[in-house]
Amino acid sequence: MKVGDHAEVTRIYSAADMAEFAALAGGALPGHVPEPLIGALFSYLLGVKLPGFGTNYLKQSLQFHGAAPLDTPLTARVEITRLRPEKHLVDLATTVRLPDGGLCCDGRALVLARDVGA
């Protein structure tokens, strides 16, 4: 791992996905992608892609810039901004963008990871 390394995933949430989410959450059917599902994209990236298996979430801050529309590709990205090998810590910038490049969400993540390079 090094500063600048990044990983991305693109996901489209449909009305059927929202019906399942509402059933699990016990709430009303949302007309947009709920924030927890957007945050889950970062959980996926951090646990599966970068840094990957064995990663422990320590902190996450997210700022949402508007509702994410259904049936629209959302591209989540995590990028390493700082490594602290002596503590096994990785700081990352997090973003979710719409197809036109518009920012849906941004924030920061701090994780504890194996094999943190200098």
N, C-alpha and C. Protein backbone atom coordinates (compact mmCIF):
# COMPACT_ATOMS: atom_id res chain seq x y z
N MET A 1 0.85 -1.19 0.00
CA MET A 1 0.00 0.00 0.00
C MET A 1 0.88 1.24 0.00
N LYS A 2 0.38 2.26 -0.71
CA LYS A 2 1.09 3.53 -0.71
C LYS A 2 0.07 4.66 -0.87
N VAL A 3 0.48 5.85 -0.48
CA VAL A 3 -0.37 7.02 -0.65
C VAL A 3 -0.74 7.16 -2.13
N GLY A 4 -1.99 7.40 -2.39
CA GLY A 4 -2.48 7.52 -3.76
C GLY A 4 -3.16 6.27 -4.28
N ASP A 5 -2.88 5.12 -3.66
CA ASP A 5 -3.59 3.89 -4.07
C ASP A 5 -5.08 4.11 -3.85
N HIS A 6 -5.89 3.56 -4.74
CA HIS A 6 -7.35 3.74 -4.62
C HIS A 6 -8.09 2.51 -5.15
N ALA A 7 -9.35 2.44 -4.79
CA ALA A 7 -10.25 1.38 -5.27
C ALA A 7 -11.62 2.01 -5.48
N GLU A 8 -12.35 1.47 -6.47
CA GLU A 8 -13.67 1.98 -6.79
C GLU A 8 -14.65 0.83 -7.00
N VAL A 9 -15.92 1.14 -6.80
CA VAL A 9 -17.00 0.23 -7.14
C VAL A 9 -18.18 1.09 -7.61
N THR A 10 -18.89 0.59 -8.61
CA THR A 10 -20.08 1.28 -9.10
C THR A 10 -21.29 0.39 -8.84
N ARG A 11 -22.33 0.99 -8.30
CA ARG A 11 -23.55 0.25 -7.95
C ARG A 11 -24.76 1.05 -8.37
N ILE A 12 -25.77 0.36 -8.87
CA ILE A 12 -27.07 0.96 -9.18
C ILE A 12 -28.08 0.36 -8.21
N TYR A 13 -28.78 1.21 -7.48
CA TYR A 13 -29.85 0.76 -6.58
C TYR A 13 -31.19 0.98 -7.26
N SER A 14 -32.01 -0.06 -7.29
CA SER A 14 -33.31 -0.01 -7.97
C SER A 14 -34.45 0.15 -6.95
N ALA A 15 -35.65 0.33 -7.46
CA ALA A 15 -36.84 0.39 -6.61
C ALA A 15 -37.01 -0.94 -5.86
N ALA A 16 -36.68 -2.05 -6.50
CA ALA A 16 -36.76 -3.36 -5.83
C ALA A 16 -35.78 -3.43 -4.66
N ASP A 17 -34.58 -2.87 -4.83
CA ASP A 17 -33.61 -2.81 -3.73
C ASP A 17 -34.18 -2.01 -2.57
N MET A 18 -34.85 -0.90 -2.88
CA MET A 18 -35.41 -0.04 -1.84
C MET A 18 -36.57 -0.74 -1.13
N ALA A 19 -37.33 -1.55 -1.84
CA ALA A 19 -38.41 -2.31 -1.20
C ALA A 19 -37.82 -3.31 -0.20
N GLU A 20 -36.73 -3.98 -0.59
CA GLU A 20 -36.07 -4.90 0.34
C GLU A 20 -35.49 -4.16 1.53
N PHE A 21 -34.88 -3.01 1.28
CA PHE A 21 -34.31 -2.21 2.36
C PHE A 21 -35.40 -1.78 3.33
N ALA A 22 -36.52 -1.29 2.81
CA ALA A 22 -37.63 -0.84 3.65
C ALA A 22 -38.19 -1.99 4.47
N ALA A 23 -38.28 -3.17 3.88
CA ALA A 23 -38.78 -4.34 4.61
C ALA A 23 -37.84 -4.71 5.76
N LEU A 24 -36.54 -4.66 5.50
CA LEU A 24 -35.56 -4.98 6.55
C LEU A 24 -35.52 -3.91 7.63
N ALA A 25 -35.63 -2.65 7.21
CA ALA A 25 -35.52 -1.53 8.15
C ALA A 25 -36.84 -1.26 8.87
N GLY A 26 -37.93 -1.81 8.33
CA GLY A 26 -39.22 -1.58 8.97
C GLY A 26 -39.74 -0.17 8.78
N GLY A 27 -39.32 0.46 7.70
CA GLY A 27 -39.72 1.84 7.46
C GLY A 27 -40.44 1.99 6.14
N ALA A 28 -40.66 3.24 5.80
CA ALA A 28 -41.32 3.56 4.54
C ALA A 28 -40.36 3.37 3.37
N LEU A 29 -40.94 3.17 2.20
CA LEU A 29 -40.15 3.01 0.98
C LEU A 29 -39.55 4.35 0.58
N PRO A 30 -38.22 4.46 0.59
CA PRO A 30 -37.61 5.74 0.22
C PRO A 30 -37.64 5.95 -1.29
N GLY A 31 -37.68 7.20 -1.70
CA GLY A 31 -37.67 7.52 -3.13
C GLY A 31 -36.28 7.81 -3.65
N HIS A 32 -35.29 7.55 -2.83
CA HIS A 32 -33.89 7.77 -3.19
C HIS A 32 -33.05 6.73 -2.45
N VAL A 33 -31.75 6.73 -2.69
CA VAL A 33 -30.87 5.78 -2.02
C VAL A 33 -30.57 6.31 -0.62
N PRO A 34 -30.94 5.57 0.42
CA PRO A 34 -30.67 6.03 1.79
C PRO A 34 -29.16 6.10 2.09
N GLU A 35 -28.80 7.02 2.95
CA GLU A 35 -27.39 7.21 3.30
C GLU A 35 -26.70 5.95 3.81
N PRO A 36 -27.36 5.10 4.63
CA PRO A 36 -26.65 3.89 5.07
C PRO A 36 -26.21 2.98 3.92
N LEU A 37 -26.98 2.93 2.83
CA LEU A 37 -26.57 2.11 1.70
C LEU A 37 -25.38 2.73 0.97
N ILE A 38 -25.31 4.05 0.96
CA ILE A 38 -24.15 4.71 0.37
C ILE A 38 -22.92 4.44 1.23
N GLY A 39 -23.06 4.56 2.54
CA GLY A 39 -21.95 4.25 3.45
C GLY A 39 -21.49 2.81 3.34
N ALA A 40 -22.41 1.91 3.04
CA ALA A 40 -22.07 0.50 2.90
C ALA A 40 -21.12 0.26 1.73
N LEU A 41 -21.17 1.11 0.72
CA LEU A 41 -20.23 0.98 -0.40
C LEU A 41 -18.79 1.15 0.10
N PHE A 42 -18.59 2.07 1.04
CA PHE A 42 -17.24 2.25 1.60
C PHE A 42 -16.84 1.04 2.43
N SER A 43 -17.77 0.50 3.20
CA SER A 43 -17.48 -0.71 3.99
C SER A 43 -17.02 -1.83 3.07
N TYR A 44 -17.72 -2.01 1.97
CA TYR A 44 -17.34 -3.03 0.99
C TYR A 44 -15.92 -2.79 0.47
N LEU A 45 -15.66 -1.57 0.00
CA LEU A 45 -14.35 -1.28 -0.56
C LEU A 45 -13.23 -1.49 0.45
N LEU A 46 -13.42 -1.01 1.67
CA LEU A 46 -12.37 -1.11 2.68
C LEU A 46 -12.13 -2.55 3.12
N GLY A 47 -13.19 -3.34 3.20
CA GLY A 47 -13.05 -4.72 3.66
C GLY A 47 -12.66 -5.72 2.60
N VAL A 48 -12.95 -5.39 1.32
CA VAL A 48 -12.70 -6.35 0.25
C VAL A 48 -11.59 -5.90 -0.70
N LYS A 49 -11.50 -4.62 -0.98
CA LYS A 49 -10.57 -4.13 -2.00
C LYS A 49 -9.32 -3.45 -1.42
N LEU A 50 -9.51 -2.41 -0.62
CA LEU A 50 -8.38 -1.61 -0.14
C LEU A 50 -8.68 -1.03 1.24
N PRO A 51 -7.98 -1.39 2.26
CA PRO A 51 -6.85 -2.29 2.33
C PRO A 51 -7.22 -3.77 2.14
N GLY A 52 -8.47 -4.16 2.41
CA GLY A 52 -8.87 -5.53 2.16
C GLY A 52 -9.12 -6.34 3.42
N PHE A 53 -9.07 -7.66 3.27
CA PHE A 53 -9.40 -8.59 4.35
C PHE A 53 -8.61 -8.27 5.62
N GLY A 54 -9.29 -8.30 6.75
CA GLY A 54 -8.67 -8.04 8.04
C GLY A 54 -8.69 -6.58 8.46
N THR A 55 -9.25 -5.71 7.60
CA THR A 55 -9.32 -4.28 7.92
C THR A 55 -10.35 -4.04 9.02
N ASN A 56 -9.99 -3.19 9.99
CA ASN A 56 -10.91 -2.80 11.05
C ASN A 56 -11.21 -1.32 10.93
N TYR A 57 -12.49 -1.00 10.81
CA TYR A 57 -12.96 0.39 10.75
C TYR A 57 -12.76 1.06 12.10
N LEU A 58 -12.14 2.19 12.15
CA LEU A 58 -11.99 2.94 13.40
C LEU A 58 -12.84 4.21 13.40
N LYS A 59 -12.85 4.93 12.27
CA LYS A 59 -13.61 6.18 12.17
C LYS A 59 -14.12 6.36 10.75
N GLN A 60 -15.26 7.02 10.65
CA GLN A 60 -15.79 7.39 9.33
C GLN A 60 -16.55 8.70 9.50
N SER A 61 -16.27 9.65 8.64
CA SER A 61 -17.07 10.88 8.60
C SER A 61 -17.56 11.04 7.17
N LEU A 62 -18.84 11.35 7.02
CA LEU A 62 -19.44 11.49 5.70
C LEU A 62 -20.25 12.77 5.65
N GLN A 63 -20.17 13.44 4.54
CA GLN A 63 -21.01 14.61 4.29
C GLN A 63 -21.79 14.33 3.01
N PHE A 64 -23.11 14.41 3.10
CA PHE A 64 -23.97 14.15 1.95
C PHE A 64 -24.37 15.46 1.31
N HIS A 65 -24.33 15.49 -0.01
CA HIS A 65 -24.56 16.73 -0.76
C HIS A 65 -25.88 16.72 -1.52
N GLY A 66 -26.76 15.82 -1.17
CA GLY A 66 -28.05 15.73 -1.82
C GLY A 66 -28.46 14.28 -1.95
N ALA A 67 -29.72 14.06 -2.25
CA ALA A 67 -30.24 12.70 -2.36
C ALA A 67 -29.66 12.01 -3.59
N ALA A 68 -29.31 10.75 -3.42
CA ALA A 68 -28.81 9.94 -4.53
C ALA A 68 -30.00 9.30 -5.23
N PRO A 69 -30.17 9.55 -6.52
CA PRO A 69 -31.34 9.04 -7.24
C PRO A 69 -31.27 7.52 -7.47
N LEU A 70 -32.44 6.90 -7.52
CA LEU A 70 -32.54 5.48 -7.86
C LEU A 70 -32.18 5.27 -9.32
N ASP A 71 -31.81 4.04 -9.65
CA ASP A 71 -31.53 3.63 -11.03
C ASP A 71 -30.45 4.47 -11.70
N THR A 72 -29.51 4.96 -10.89
CA THR A 72 -28.41 5.79 -11.39
C THR A 72 -27.10 5.17 -10.90
N PRO A 73 -26.11 4.99 -11.76
CA PRO A 73 -24.83 4.46 -11.30
C PRO A 73 -24.18 5.42 -10.28
N LEU A 74 -23.83 4.87 -9.14
CA LEU A 74 -23.11 5.61 -8.11
C LEU A 74 -21.73 4.98 -8.00
N THR A 75 -20.69 5.79 -8.14
CA THR A 75 -19.32 5.28 -8.08
C THR A 75 -18.67 5.72 -6.78
N ALA A 76 -18.41 4.74 -5.92
CA ALA A 76 -17.74 4.99 -4.64
C ALA A 76 -16.25 4.77 -4.82
N ARG A 77 -15.46 5.60 -4.17
CA ARG A 77 -14.00 5.53 -4.28
C ARG A 77 -13.38 5.77 -2.90
N VAL A 78 -12.37 5.00 -2.59
CA VAL A 78 -11.53 5.25 -1.42
C VAL A 78 -10.10 5.43 -1.92
N GLU A 79 -9.40 6.40 -1.35
CA GLU A 79 -8.02 6.68 -1.75
C GLU A 79 -7.17 6.92 -0.52
N ILE A 80 -6.04 6.24 -0.46
CA ILE A 80 -5.13 6.38 0.67
C ILE A 80 -4.50 7.77 0.65
N THR A 81 -4.63 8.48 1.77
CA THR A 81 -4.05 9.81 1.89
C THR A 81 -2.88 9.86 2.87
N ARG A 82 -2.81 8.86 3.76
CA ARG A 82 -1.73 8.83 4.74
C ARG A 82 -1.58 7.42 5.28
N LEU A 83 -0.34 7.01 5.49
CA LEU A 83 -0.04 5.73 6.12
C LEU A 83 0.74 5.98 7.40
N ARG A 84 0.38 5.26 8.45
CA ARG A 84 1.11 5.33 9.71
C ARG A 84 1.50 3.90 10.11
N PRO A 85 2.59 3.40 9.48
CA PRO A 85 2.96 2.00 9.66
C PRO A 85 3.23 1.61 11.11
N GLU A 86 3.77 2.53 11.90
CA GLU A 86 4.10 2.20 13.29
C GLU A 86 2.86 1.86 14.11
N LYS A 87 1.68 2.34 13.66
CA LYS A 87 0.41 2.07 14.36
C LYS A 87 -0.53 1.21 13.52
N HIS A 88 -0.10 0.82 12.34
CA HIS A 88 -0.92 0.04 11.40
C HIS A 88 -2.18 0.79 10.98
N LEU A 89 -2.06 2.12 10.83
CA LEU A 89 -3.21 2.95 10.48
C LEU A 89 -3.14 3.43 9.05
N VAL A 90 -4.32 3.51 8.44
CA VAL A 90 -4.45 4.01 7.06
C VAL A 90 -5.56 5.05 7.05
N ASP A 91 -5.24 6.25 6.58
CA ASP A 91 -6.23 7.32 6.39
C ASP A 91 -6.63 7.32 4.92
N LEU A 92 -7.94 7.48 4.67
CA LEU A 92 -8.44 7.46 3.29
C LEU A 92 -9.45 8.57 3.06
N ALA A 93 -9.45 9.11 1.85
CA ALA A 93 -10.50 10.02 1.39
C ALA A 93 -11.57 9.13 0.76
N THR A 94 -12.84 9.49 0.98
CA THR A 94 -13.94 8.71 0.44
C THR A 94 -14.87 9.62 -0.35
N THR A 95 -15.32 9.15 -1.51
CA THR A 95 -16.25 9.93 -2.33
C THR A 95 -17.25 8.99 -3.01
N VAL A 96 -18.43 9.54 -3.30
CA VAL A 96 -19.39 8.89 -4.18
C VAL A 96 -19.79 9.92 -5.21
N ARG A 97 -19.68 9.53 -6.48
CA ARG A 97 -20.00 10.46 -7.57
C ARG A 97 -21.11 9.90 -8.45
N LEU A 98 -21.85 10.84 -9.04
CA LEU A 98 -22.88 10.53 -10.02
C LEU A 98 -22.23 10.41 -11.39
N PRO A 99 -22.95 9.88 -12.39
CA PRO A 99 -22.35 9.72 -13.72
C PRO A 99 -21.81 11.01 -14.33
N ASP A 100 -22.41 12.16 -13.99
CA ASP A 100 -21.94 13.44 -14.54
C ASP A 100 -20.75 13.99 -13.77
N GLY A 101 -20.25 13.24 -12.78
CA GLY A 101 -19.12 13.68 -11.96
C GLY A 101 -19.53 14.44 -10.72
N GLY A 102 -20.82 14.74 -10.60
CA GLY A 102 -21.30 15.45 -9.42
C GLY A 102 -21.05 14.66 -8.15
N LEU A 103 -20.72 15.38 -7.09
CA LEU A 103 -20.40 14.76 -5.81
C LEU A 103 -21.68 14.51 -5.01
N CYS A 104 -21.91 13.27 -4.69
CA CYS A 104 -23.07 12.86 -3.89
C CYS A 104 -22.70 12.85 -2.41
N CYS A 105 -21.47 12.41 -2.12
CA CYS A 105 -21.02 12.24 -0.74
C CYS A 105 -19.50 12.29 -0.72
N ASP A 106 -18.94 12.84 0.35
CA ASP A 106 -17.50 12.75 0.54
C ASP A 106 -17.21 12.68 2.03
N GLY A 107 -15.99 12.28 2.35
CA GLY A 107 -15.62 12.16 3.75
C GLY A 107 -14.24 11.57 3.91
N ARG A 108 -14.02 11.01 5.10
CA ARG A 108 -12.73 10.44 5.47
C ARG A 108 -12.98 9.13 6.19
N ALA A 109 -12.01 8.25 6.13
CA ALA A 109 -12.05 7.01 6.89
C ALA A 109 -10.68 6.76 7.51
N LEU A 110 -10.70 6.16 8.68
CA LEU A 110 -9.48 5.74 9.36
C LEU A 110 -9.65 4.25 9.68
N VAL A 111 -8.70 3.45 9.23
CA VAL A 111 -8.79 2.01 9.46
C VAL A 111 -7.48 1.47 10.02
N LEU A 112 -7.61 0.36 10.71
CA LEU A 112 -6.47 -0.42 11.18
C LEU A 112 -6.29 -1.55 10.19
N ALA A 113 -5.10 -1.70 9.65
CA ALA A 113 -4.88 -2.67 8.59
C ALA A 113 -3.57 -3.42 8.77
N ARG A 114 -3.56 -4.61 8.21
CA ARG A 114 -2.32 -5.40 8.19
C ARG A 114 -1.40 -4.87 7.11
N ASP A 115 -0.16 -5.16 7.22
CA ASP A 115 0.82 -4.88 6.16
C ASP A 115 0.82 -3.43 5.68
N VAL A 116 0.81 -2.49 6.60
CA VAL A 116 0.86 -1.07 6.22
C VAL A 116 2.29 -0.72 5.90
N GLY A 117 2.56 -0.34 4.66
CA GLY A 117 3.91 0.04 4.24
C GLY A 117 4.23 1.47 4.63
N ALA A 118 5.46 1.83 4.53
CA ALA A 118 5.88 3.20 4.86
C ALA A 118 5.73 4.10 3.68
